Amino acid sequence: MISEGGSCGFVNYYSGKFWSGGHNYTLDENDDLDTFYLKSILESKQEKLYKLGVGSSLLNIQKHAIENFIVEIPKFQEQTVIGQFFHILDEQITTQDLKLGQLKQLKTAYLQKMFV
């Protein structure tokens, strides 16, 4: 989660290696917590996370605010079902976004060829 700046409170999931700078919070995987469930529940609380930002010119979320942020954690089996459901939806959205981008490029190419 980004902890400072214009995207303060933004939640994202990344499974590869990355450099975690001073302006974000990262969570390590845990055998008792489904990663996709956690992403989904935090996304559902996105507005509340945004409101944790403090500061007059550059918003930031302080560590104690995150440590005291409460989310519902059901049993692991339920987490897995919920997490997979939203993960599959996210993948479908990504696929559709890619298709839409390709169609827009195709339209632009046709328009350029037709009206040159």
Protein backbone atom coordinates (compact mmCIF):
# COMPACT_ATOMS: atom_id res chain seq x y z
CA MET A 1 0.00 0.00 0.00
CA ILE A 2 1.28 3.45 -0.88
CA SER A 3 1.72 5.49 2.28
CA GLU A 4 2.57 8.94 0.95
CA GLY A 5 1.70 11.29 -1.87
CA GLY A 6 -1.20 11.55 -4.30
CA SER A 7 -1.87 7.80 -4.26
CA CYS A 8 -1.76 7.60 -0.48
CA GLY A 9 -3.82 4.57 0.62
CA PHE A 10 -3.77 2.82 -2.77
CA VAL A 11 -3.74 -0.99 -2.43
CA ASN A 12 -2.01 -3.25 -4.94
CA TYR A 13 -0.80 -6.84 -5.17
CA TYR A 14 2.47 -7.84 -6.78
CA SER A 15 3.83 -11.39 -6.66
CA GLY A 16 7.32 -10.86 -8.09
CA LYS A 17 10.40 -9.29 -6.61
CA PHE A 18 10.30 -5.53 -6.17
CA TRP A 19 12.02 -2.76 -4.31
CA SER A 20 9.95 -1.46 -1.42
CA GLY A 21 10.81 2.17 -0.77
CA GLY A 22 10.09 4.37 2.18
CA HIS A 23 6.67 5.47 0.94
CA ASN A 24 4.74 2.22 1.05
CA TYR A 25 3.84 -0.58 3.39
CA THR A 26 4.28 -4.21 2.42
CA LEU A 27 2.90 -7.37 3.97
CA ASP A 28 4.60 -10.73 3.95
CA GLU A 29 2.63 -13.82 3.05
CA ASN A 30 1.22 -15.78 5.96
CA ASP A 31 -0.09 -19.36 6.08
CA ASP A 32 -3.17 -18.21 8.03
CA LEU A 33 -4.16 -15.46 5.61
CA ASP A 34 -5.10 -15.81 1.94
CA THR A 35 -3.26 -13.13 -0.04
CA PHE A 36 -6.07 -12.57 -2.54
CA TYR A 37 -8.60 -12.28 0.28
CA LEU A 38 -6.46 -9.66 1.99
CA LYS A 39 -6.15 -7.67 -1.24
CA SER A 40 -9.92 -7.85 -1.75
CA ILE A 41 -10.82 -6.79 1.78
CA LEU A 42 -8.33 -3.91 1.70
CA GLU A 43 -9.68 -2.77 -1.68
CA SER A 44 -13.19 -2.81 -0.21
CA LYS A 45 -11.90 -0.48 2.52
CA GLN A 46 -10.06 1.77 0.04
CA GLU A 47 -11.99 4.92 0.99
CA LYS A 48 -11.29 4.37 4.69
CA LEU A 49 -7.61 3.85 3.90
CA TYR A 50 -7.53 7.11 1.93
CA LYS A 51 -9.01 8.90 4.94
CA LEU A 52 -6.11 7.73 7.14
CA GLY A 53 -3.88 10.17 5.26
CA VAL A 54 -2.73 13.15 7.32
CA GLY A 55 -0.69 16.23 6.49
CA SER A 56 -1.33 19.61 4.96
CA SER A 57 0.57 19.48 1.67
CA LEU A 58 1.69 15.87 1.21
CA LEU A 59 -0.65 13.26 2.68
CA ASN A 60 0.89 10.28 4.45
CA ILE A 61 -0.42 7.34 6.43
CA GLN A 62 1.41 6.80 9.67
CA LYS A 63 2.42 3.31 10.77
CA HIS A 64 0.27 3.34 13.92
CA ALA A 65 -2.83 4.09 11.80
CA ILE A 66 -2.21 0.97 9.70
CA GLU A 67 -1.42 -1.14 12.76
CA ASN A 68 -4.79 -0.15 14.26
CA PHE A 69 -6.76 -0.62 11.03
CA ILE A 70 -9.25 -3.46 11.60
CA VAL A 71 -10.41 -5.85 8.88
CA GLU A 72 -12.65 -8.91 9.12
CA ILE A 73 -10.73 -12.19 8.87
CA PRO A 74 -12.94 -15.29 8.46
CA LYS A 75 -11.68 -18.88 8.60
CA PHE A 76 -9.00 -19.69 6.02
CA GLN A 77 -11.30 -21.82 3.83
CA GLU A 78 -13.76 -18.93 3.48
CA GLN A 79 -10.90 -16.51 2.81
CA THR A 80 -9.71 -18.75 -0.02
CA VAL A 81 -13.14 -18.93 -1.66
CA ILE A 82 -13.64 -15.16 -1.44
CA GLY A 83 -10.08 -14.40 -2.52
CA GLN A 84 -10.23 -16.68 -5.57
CA PHE A 85 -13.60 -15.28 -6.62
CA PHE A 86 -12.28 -11.72 -6.71
CA HIS A 87 -8.93 -12.78 -8.19
CA ILE A 88 -10.72 -14.43 -11.12
CA LEU A 89 -12.84 -11.29 -11.60
CA ASP A 90 -9.68 -9.15 -11.58
CA GLU A 91 -8.11 -11.39 -14.24
CA GLN A 92 -11.23 -11.14 -16.41
CA ILE A 93 -11.22 -7.34 -16.07
CA THR A 94 -7.55 -7.22 -17.06
CA THR A 95 -8.23 -9.41 -20.10
CA GLN A 96 -11.14 -7.21 -21.17
CA ASP A 97 -9.06 -4.05 -20.67
CA LEU A 98 -6.35 -5.50 -22.94
CA LYS A 99 -8.92 -6.38 -25.60
CA LEU A 100 -10.42 -2.90 -25.37
CA GLY A 101 -6.99 -1.33 -25.82
CA GLN A 102 -6.33 -3.47 -28.89
CA LEU A 103 -9.70 -2.55 -30.40
CA LYS A 104 -9.03 1.16 -29.83
CA GLN A 105 -5.67 0.82 -31.59
CA LEU A 106 -7.32 -1.02 -34.47
CA LYS A 107 -9.96 1.71 -34.77
CA THR A 108 -7.28 4.41 -34.80
CA ALA A 109 -5.36 2.57 -37.52
CA TYR A 110 -8.49 2.19 -39.67
CA LEU A 111 -9.40 5.86 -39.23
CA GLN A 112 -5.89 6.93 -40.23
CA LYS A 113 -5.97 4.76 -43.35
CA MET A 114 -9.46 5.83 -44.36
CA PHE A 115 -9.14 9.57 -43.86
CA VAL A 116 -5.57 10.35 -44.96
